Protein backbone atom coordinates (compact mmCIF):
# COMPACT_ATOMS: atom_id res chain seq x y z
CA MET A 1 39.20 20.53 -19.56
CA ALA A 2 40.85 19.03 -22.56
CA GLU A 3 37.74 17.09 -23.06
CA MET A 4 35.29 19.93 -23.36
CA LEU A 5 37.82 21.52 -25.65
CA LEU A 6 38.01 18.35 -27.67
CA THR A 7 34.26 18.41 -27.74
CA ARG A 8 33.92 21.73 -28.47
CA ARG A 9 36.28 21.61 -31.43
CA ALA A 10 34.45 18.55 -33.08
CA ALA A 11 31.12 20.14 -32.79
CA GLY A 12 32.51 23.13 -34.57
CA CYS A 13 34.11 20.96 -37.15
CA ALA A 14 30.98 19.19 -37.73
CA LEU A 15 28.84 22.09 -38.15
CA VAL A 16 31.49 23.50 -40.88
CA LEU A 17 31.99 20.43 -42.53
CA ALA A 18 28.07 19.44 -42.79
CA VAL A 19 27.39 23.15 -44.19
CA ALA A 20 30.73 22.68 -46.88
CA LEU A 21 29.81 19.14 -47.94
CA CYS A 22 26.12 20.44 -48.28
CA ALA A 23 27.34 23.61 -50.30
CA VAL A 24 29.59 21.51 -52.57
CA ALA A 25 26.71 18.88 -53.22
CA ALA A 26 24.24 21.82 -54.07
CA PRO A 27 23.08 20.66 -57.59
CA LEU A 28 22.39 17.17 -55.99
CA LEU A 29 20.63 18.12 -52.82
CA SER A 30 18.16 20.71 -54.40
CA GLY A 31 17.99 19.86 -57.77
CA TYR A 32 17.34 23.39 -59.05
CA PRO A 33 19.75 25.96 -60.28
CA PRO A 34 19.78 28.85 -57.68
CA ASP A 35 18.72 31.93 -60.28
CA GLY A 36 15.87 29.46 -61.99
CA SER A 37 12.44 31.11 -61.42
CA SER A 38 8.86 29.24 -62.21
CA VAL A 39 5.23 30.65 -61.70
CA GLU A 40 4.96 29.20 -57.96
CA SER A 41 6.40 32.42 -56.37
CA LEU A 42 6.10 32.35 -52.29
CA ALA A 43 5.14 28.48 -52.55
CA PRO A 44 5.49 26.65 -48.97
CA PRO A 45 7.74 23.91 -48.26
CA SER A 46 6.37 20.86 -50.53
CA ALA A 47 8.17 17.47 -51.83
CA VAL A 48 8.96 19.67 -54.79
CA HIS A 49 10.45 22.61 -53.14
CA ARG A 50 11.61 21.32 -49.85
CA PHE A 51 12.09 24.93 -48.44
CA GLY A 52 9.43 26.62 -50.67
CA THR A 53 10.38 29.50 -53.09
CA ASP A 54 11.06 33.09 -52.75
CA ASP A 55 8.98 36.26 -54.31
CA LEU A 56 10.29 35.37 -57.74
CA GLY A 57 9.52 31.84 -57.70
CA ARG A 58 13.25 30.82 -57.21
CA ASP A 59 13.93 27.75 -54.92
CA VAL A 60 15.03 28.60 -51.68
CA LEU A 61 16.87 25.30 -51.05
CA ALA A 62 18.84 25.99 -53.93
CA ARG A 63 19.75 29.43 -53.15
CA VAL A 64 20.58 28.66 -49.73
CA LEU A 65 23.27 26.01 -50.63
CA PHE A 66 24.76 28.16 -53.47
CA GLY A 67 24.61 30.90 -51.12
CA ALA A 68 26.58 29.17 -48.34
CA ARG A 69 29.22 28.51 -51.06
CA VAL A 70 29.68 32.51 -51.37
CA SER A 71 29.69 32.78 -47.66
CA LEU A 72 32.79 30.09 -47.26
CA LEU A 73 34.69 31.71 -50.00
CA ILE A 74 34.14 35.34 -47.87
CA GLY A 75 34.92 34.36 -44.61
CA PRO A 76 38.06 32.55 -45.10
CA CYS A 77 39.44 34.56 -47.82
CA ALA A 78 38.79 37.79 -45.60
CA ALA A 79 40.34 36.22 -42.64
CA LEU A 80 43.45 35.22 -44.38
CA LEU A 81 43.76 38.88 -45.64
CA ALA A 82 43.48 40.37 -42.21
CA THR A 83 45.95 37.68 -40.79
CA ALA A 84 48.52 38.51 -43.73
CA ILE A 85 48.30 42.09 -42.60
CA GLY A 86 47.72 42.02 -38.75
CA LEU A 87 50.52 39.11 -38.44
CA PRO A 88 53.76 40.94 -39.42
CA LEU A 89 52.39 43.90 -37.77
CA GLY A 90 51.47 42.50 -34.62
CA LEU A 91 54.92 40.59 -34.67
CA LEU A 92 57.12 43.64 -35.07
CA GLY A 93 54.86 45.79 -32.58
CA GLY A 94 55.37 43.17 -30.42
CA PHE A 95 59.17 42.67 -30.58
CA LEU A 96 60.82 45.86 -31.90
CA ARG A 97 61.45 48.56 -29.21
CA GLY A 98 61.52 52.42 -29.92
CA LEU A 99 59.98 54.65 -31.99
CA PRO A 100 59.18 51.58 -35.17
CA ALA A 101 57.02 50.00 -32.25
CA LEU A 102 55.48 53.27 -30.88
CA VAL A 103 54.17 53.91 -34.58
CA ILE A 104 52.72 50.20 -35.30
CA VAL A 105 51.05 50.43 -31.57
CA GLN A 106 49.35 53.97 -32.54
CA LEU A 107 48.33 52.36 -36.11
CA ILE A 108 46.59 49.63 -34.56
CA ASP A 109 44.97 51.48 -31.57
CA LEU A 110 43.65 54.16 -33.99
CA CYS A 111 42.15 51.21 -36.41
CA ILE A 112 40.52 49.42 -33.58
CA ALA A 113 38.98 52.75 -32.15
CA LEU A 114 37.03 52.97 -35.34
CA PRO A 115 33.63 50.68 -35.09
CA GLY A 116 33.99 47.61 -37.70
CA LEU A 117 30.50 47.44 -39.02
CA VAL A 118 30.33 51.25 -39.49
CA LEU A 119 33.69 51.34 -41.20
CA ALA A 120 32.79 48.42 -43.58
CA LEU A 121 29.58 49.94 -44.33
CA PHE A 122 31.24 53.41 -45.33
CA ILE A 123 33.86 51.67 -47.42
CA THR A 124 31.51 49.44 -49.15
CA VAL A 125 29.57 52.55 -49.74
CA MET A 126 32.28 54.02 -51.46
CA VAL A 127 33.80 51.23 -53.54
CA GLY A 128 30.79 49.46 -54.20
CA PRO A 129 29.46 45.92 -53.45
CA SER A 130 30.87 42.91 -55.20
CA LEU A 131 32.56 39.81 -54.17
CA ARG A 132 35.94 41.10 -54.21
CA ASN A 133 35.42 44.48 -52.80
CA ILE A 134 33.51 42.65 -49.76
CA ILE A 135 36.57 40.40 -49.28
CA LEU A 136 38.65 43.30 -49.48
CA VAL A 137 36.96 45.36 -46.77
CA LEU A 138 36.61 42.77 -44.73
CA GLY A 139 40.18 41.95 -44.52
CA VAL A 140 40.85 45.53 -43.94
CA VAL A 141 38.19 46.33 -41.14
CA MET A 142 39.37 43.00 -39.35
CA TRP A 143 43.54 42.95 -39.19
CA PRO A 144 43.94 45.40 -36.32
CA THR A 145 42.37 42.37 -34.05
CA MET A 146 44.59 40.10 -35.28
CA ALA A 147 47.40 42.57 -34.99
CA ARG A 148 46.56 43.34 -31.51
CA LEU A 149 46.50 39.78 -30.28
CA VAL A 150 49.84 38.93 -32.06
CA ARG A 151 51.60 41.77 -30.39
CA GLY A 152 50.54 40.56 -27.04
CA GLN A 153 51.70 37.16 -27.72
CA ALA A 154 55.00 38.52 -29.03
CA MET A 155 55.75 40.66 -26.16
CA ASP A 156 55.51 38.06 -23.89
CA VAL A 157 57.87 35.63 -25.92
CA ALA A 158 60.09 38.39 -26.73
CA VAL A 159 61.27 38.73 -22.92
CA LYS A 160 61.88 34.94 -22.69
CA PRO A 161 65.26 33.76 -21.83
CA TYR A 162 66.00 31.94 -25.19
CA VAL A 163 64.96 35.00 -26.89
CA GLU A 164 67.34 37.41 -25.03
CA ALA A 165 70.14 34.66 -25.42
CA ALA A 166 69.42 34.77 -29.48
CA ARG A 167 69.54 38.68 -29.37
CA ALA A 168 72.97 38.57 -27.42
CA THR A 169 74.48 36.23 -30.03
CA GLY A 170 73.51 38.51 -32.78
CA CYS A 171 70.52 36.78 -34.36
CA GLY A 172 68.75 39.17 -36.69
CA THR A 173 65.13 40.11 -35.94
CA THR A 174 63.91 38.03 -38.84
CA ARG A 175 65.49 34.64 -37.69
CA ILE A 176 64.25 35.37 -34.06
CA LEU A 177 60.75 36.07 -35.15
CA VAL A 178 60.81 32.95 -37.30
CA ARG A 179 62.70 30.29 -35.41
CA HIS A 180 61.61 31.84 -31.79
CA VAL A 181 58.46 33.77 -31.54
CA TRP A 182 56.13 32.28 -34.38
CA PRO A 183 56.42 28.42 -33.16
CA ASN A 184 55.25 30.09 -29.69
CA ILE A 185 52.19 31.96 -31.12
CA MET A 186 50.88 30.01 -34.02
CA ARG A 187 48.30 28.20 -31.92
CA THR A 188 46.81 31.21 -30.95
CA VAL A 189 46.76 32.98 -34.37
CA ALA A 190 45.05 29.75 -35.73
CA ALA A 191 42.51 30.29 -32.93
CA GLN A 192 41.95 33.61 -34.01
CA TYR A 193 41.85 33.19 -37.47
CA ALA A 194 38.89 30.88 -36.82
CA THR A 195 37.26 33.44 -35.18
CA THR A 196 38.06 36.07 -38.09
CA VAL A 197 36.24 33.73 -40.41
CA ALA A 198 33.17 33.89 -38.30
CA PHE A 199 33.18 37.58 -37.78
CA ALA A 200 33.53 37.83 -41.42
CA ILE A 201 30.79 35.38 -42.45
CA PHE A 202 28.35 37.33 -39.82
CA THR A 203 29.54 40.88 -41.05
CA ALA A 204 29.20 39.78 -44.84
CA ALA A 205 25.63 38.61 -43.96
CA SER A 206 24.96 41.92 -42.02
CA LEU A 207 26.16 44.14 -44.92
CA SER A 208 23.98 42.13 -47.53
CA PHE A 209 20.98 42.78 -45.18
CA LEU A 210 21.60 46.49 -45.12
CA GLY A 211 21.66 46.27 -48.73
CA LEU A 212 25.35 46.35 -49.59
CA GLY A 213 26.05 42.71 -50.22
CA ILE A 214 27.07 40.83 -53.81
CA PRO A 215 24.63 42.11 -56.53
CA PRO A 216 22.18 39.85 -57.87
CA PRO A 217 21.92 37.33 -59.42
CA THR A 218 24.49 35.60 -57.41
CA PRO A 219 22.64 34.14 -53.98
CA ASP A 220 23.66 35.69 -50.79
CA LEU A 221 22.47 34.59 -47.67
CA GLY A 222 22.11 37.87 -46.05
CA GLY A 223 20.26 39.11 -48.80
CA MET A 224 18.32 36.13 -48.64
CA VAL A 225 17.11 37.24 -45.28
CA ARG A 226 16.07 40.60 -46.15
CA GLY A 227 14.45 39.84 -48.96
CA GLY A 228 12.13 37.13 -47.45
CA PHE A 229 11.64 39.11 -44.11
CA GLN A 230 8.61 40.66 -45.86
CA PHE A 231 7.06 37.29 -46.63
CA LEU A 232 7.43 35.64 -43.49
CA THR A 233 3.66 34.88 -43.39
CA LEU A 234 3.46 33.63 -46.77
CA ASN A 235 6.68 31.32 -46.69
CA PRO A 236 8.78 31.90 -43.48
CA MET A 237 11.63 29.37 -44.89
CA ALA A 238 12.50 32.28 -47.46
CA SER A 239 13.99 34.29 -44.48
CA LEU A 240 14.40 31.71 -41.72
CA ALA A 241 16.71 29.15 -43.63
CA PRO A 242 19.22 31.21 -44.73
CA GLY A 243 19.70 33.06 -41.48
CA ALA A 244 19.84 29.67 -39.71
CA VAL A 245 22.60 28.76 -42.15
CA VAL A 246 24.67 31.78 -41.32
CA GLY A 247 23.87 31.02 -37.62
CA VAL A 248 25.62 27.37 -38.19
CA MET A 249 28.64 28.47 -40.03
CA VAL A 250 29.24 31.28 -37.28
CA SER A 251 28.70 29.03 -34.43
CA GLY A 252 30.96 26.26 -36.17
CA PHE A 253 34.01 28.72 -36.65
CA TYR A 254 33.77 30.14 -33.24
CA LEU A 255 33.78 26.86 -31.45
CA ILE A 256 36.80 25.64 -33.27
CA GLY A 257 38.37 29.14 -32.66
CA SER A 258 37.56 28.63 -28.89
CA SER A 259 38.79 24.97 -28.53
CA VAL A 260 42.38 26.09 -28.98
CA ASP A 261 43.87 26.42 -25.73
């Protein structure tokens, strides 16, 4: 079992690292700017344009690599925001008792009951699509899942003898949470963070595919899938390449998250 988890983690790290390195080296690997156009629209893959060009004559490989940068910014930042909201609420909801815990639990349950993608669509339409807004929207949509997981873990730790002993000696809530609860749940939080990054990247790509992604000319993988979909017979790479990169990133972060026991 341990060997399987290590293999899964190594595979996930390899996938994420490969995409990240290619994204960082985008100018060297592509040789073209992401928004530079030419007269060769919808050109098939060749030695000049390895993934061909899109309907505006832009190099597909360049846009895919620069688009991966955007996804690798959105995913971790949105997951970090979700963790910053969900972690303290989950800790308090699992450790406190009485009315405060009930209020937190009801808030978490209410937010989880709302469909995530539908809620993200609604909020994005209201605030408008931009890089900052998409990160904020995804963080707001995803924090309840983190909070519910943390709450369950905190409830298990809160009844341990050493926690009860700390209560009896008069330790404050903050001290107990920091010294006794957090060290016992941080591996689970790390795993959930990686899974949340995967979900954020996929959801951001879905929003872009539906026309609510980052406005042009910023390259966006979901928007590229949507834009190239109608030209599959002329240059399938214009749609398949960005979709494949999204799949690789999502799979990589999911493998990392699922490898933490």
